[in-house]
């Protein structure tokens, strides 16, 4: 039963995660071309690399907690 719940939750997580998209960025400088600047509003910071780092750290923490639980059970 636990495996079935795990499989269903994993599949639903992957399906929901693939359908979520970020909003498109606003036009640079609110389409004001007289200023001559073309830097995007907000600085154009990438979100993808930070997300990958956060997921890697979360996975590492979960593995550490899982292994420490297994050591307690085996003692």
C-alpha atoms as a PDB file:
ATOM      1  CA  UNK A   1       0.000   0.000   0.000  1.00  0.00           C
ATOM      2  CA  UNK A   2       2.876   2.360   0.795  1.00  0.00           C
ATOM      3  CA  UNK A   3       4.465   1.674  -2.579  1.00  0.00           C
ATOM      4  CA  UNK A   4       1.191   2.456  -4.343  1.00  0.00           C
ATOM      5  CA  UNK A   5       0.841   5.770  -2.495  1.00  0.00           C
ATOM      6  CA  UNK A   6       4.471   6.615  -3.259  1.00  0.00           C
ATOM      7  CA  UNK A   7       4.060   5.846  -6.960  1.00  0.00           C
ATOM      8  CA  UNK A   8       0.815   7.830  -7.236  1.00  0.00           C
ATOM      9  CA  UNK A   9       2.273  10.834  -5.416  1.00  0.00           C
ATOM     10  CA  UNK A  10       5.449  10.749  -7.534  1.00  0.00           C
ATOM     11  CA  UNK A  11       3.500  10.601 -10.790  1.00  0.00           C
ATOM     12  CA  UNK A  12       1.155  13.401  -9.723  1.00  0.00           C
ATOM     13  CA  UNK A  13       4.094  15.540  -8.587  1.00  0.00           C
ATOM     14  CA  UNK A  14       5.832  15.112 -11.927  1.00  0.00           C
ATOM     15  CA  UNK A  15       2.668  15.885 -13.880  1.00  0.00           C
ATOM     16  CA  UNK A  16       1.904  19.014 -11.855  1.00  0.00           C
ATOM     17  CA  UNK A  17       5.525  20.158 -11.903  1.00  0.00           C
ATOM     18  CA  UNK A  18       5.742  19.955 -15.667  1.00  0.00           C
ATOM     19  CA  UNK A  19       2.650  22.114 -16.168  1.00  0.00           C
ATOM     20  CA  UNK A  20       3.759  25.013 -13.953  1.00  0.00           C
ATOM     21  CA  UNK A  21       5.446  27.819 -15.851  1.00  0.00           C
ATOM     22  CA  UNK A  22       6.778  31.195 -14.796  1.00  0.00           C
ATOM     23  CA  UNK A  23       5.279  34.415 -16.103  1.00  0.00           C
ATOM     24  CA  UNK A  24       6.901  36.136 -19.027  1.00  0.00           C
ATOM     25  CA  UNK A  25       9.134  39.026 -18.010  1.00  0.00           C
ATOM     26  CA  UNK A  26       7.887  42.581 -18.450  1.00  0.00           C
ATOM     27  CA  UNK A  27       9.236  44.552 -21.398  1.00  0.00           C
ATOM     28  CA  UNK A  28      12.570  46.272 -20.724  1.00  0.00           C
ATOM     29  CA  UNK A  29      12.150  49.761 -19.286  1.00  0.00           C
ATOM     30  CA  UNK A  30       8.381  49.618 -19.880  1.00  0.00           C
ATOM     31  CA  UNK A  31       8.883  49.965 -23.660  1.00  0.00           C
ATOM     32  CA  UNK A  32      10.465  53.390 -23.142  1.00  0.00           C
ATOM     33  CA  UNK A  33      13.065  53.520 -25.929  1.00  0.00           C
ATOM     34  CA  UNK A  34      13.978  57.183 -25.448  1.00  0.00           C
ATOM     35  CA  UNK A  35      16.158  56.366 -22.424  1.00  0.00           C
ATOM     36  CA  UNK A  36      18.367  54.072 -24.489  1.00  0.00           C
ATOM     37  CA  UNK A  37      18.670  51.413 -21.776  1.00  0.00           C
ATOM     38  CA  UNK A  38      17.723  47.853 -22.460  1.00  0.00           C
ATOM     39  CA  UNK A  39      18.250  46.195 -19.090  1.00  0.00           C
ATOM     40  CA  UNK A  40      15.305  44.047 -18.045  1.00  0.00           C
ATOM     41  CA  UNK A  41      13.241  45.090 -15.065  1.00  0.00           C
ATOM     42  CA  UNK A  42      14.342  43.043 -12.046  1.00  0.00           C
ATOM     43  CA  UNK A  43      17.852  42.442 -13.315  1.00  0.00           C
ATOM     44  CA  UNK A  44      17.114  39.221 -15.188  1.00  0.00           C
ATOM     45  CA  UNK A  45      18.376  36.920 -12.413  1.00  0.00           C
ATOM     46  CA  UNK A  46      18.206  33.231 -13.399  1.00  0.00           C
ATOM     47  CA  UNK A  47      15.900  31.088 -11.285  1.00  0.00           C
ATOM     48  CA  UNK A  48      16.838  27.662 -12.661  1.00  0.00           C
ATOM     49  CA  UNK A  49      20.295  27.307 -11.109  1.00  0.00           C
ATOM     50  CA  UNK A  50      19.078  28.305  -7.651  1.00  0.00           C
ATOM     51  CA  UNK A  51      16.248  25.825  -7.906  1.00  0.00           C
ATOM     52  CA  UNK A  52      18.636  23.014  -8.834  1.00  0.00           C
ATOM     53  CA  UNK A  53      20.888  23.845  -5.873  1.00  0.00           C
ATOM     54  CA  UNK A  54      17.916  23.902  -3.497  1.00  0.00           C
ATOM     55  CA  UNK A  55      16.678  20.528  -4.778  1.00  0.00           C
ATOM     56  CA  UNK A  56      20.160  18.990  -4.442  1.00  0.00           C
ATOM     57  CA  UNK A  57      20.495  20.236  -0.867  1.00  0.00           C
ATOM     58  CA  UNK A  58      17.020  18.945  -0.003  1.00  0.00           C
ATOM     59  CA  UNK A  59      17.844  15.536  -1.456  1.00  0.00           C
ATOM     60  CA  UNK A  60      21.095  15.376   0.494  1.00  0.00           C
ATOM     61  CA  UNK A  61      19.347  16.318   3.734  1.00  0.00           C
ATOM     62  CA  UNK A  62      16.630  13.702   3.183  1.00  0.00           C
ATOM     63  CA  UNK A  63      19.205  10.988   2.523  1.00  0.00           C
ATOM     64  CA  UNK A  64      21.073  11.956   5.695  1.00  0.00           C
ATOM     65  CA  UNK A  65      17.868  11.780   7.751  1.00  0.00           C
ATOM     66  CA  UNK A  66      16.903   8.460   6.158  1.00  0.00           C
ATOM     67  CA  UNK A  67      20.289   6.872   6.876  1.00  0.00           C
ATOM     68  CA  UNK A  68      20.289   8.101  10.477  1.00  0.00           C
ATOM     69  CA  UNK A  69      16.828   6.555  10.950  1.00  0.00           C
ATOM     70  CA  UNK A  70      18.071   3.247   9.524  1.00  0.00           C
ATOM     71  CA  UNK A  71      20.995   3.253  11.976  1.00  0.00           C
ATOM     72  CA  UNK A  72      18.642   3.753  14.906  1.00  0.00           C
ATOM     73  CA  UNK A  73      16.423   0.888  13.759  1.00  0.00           C
ATOM     74  CA  UNK A  74      19.363  -1.496  13.257  1.00  0.00           C
ATOM     75  CA  UNK A  75      20.830  -0.849  16.716  1.00  0.00           C
END
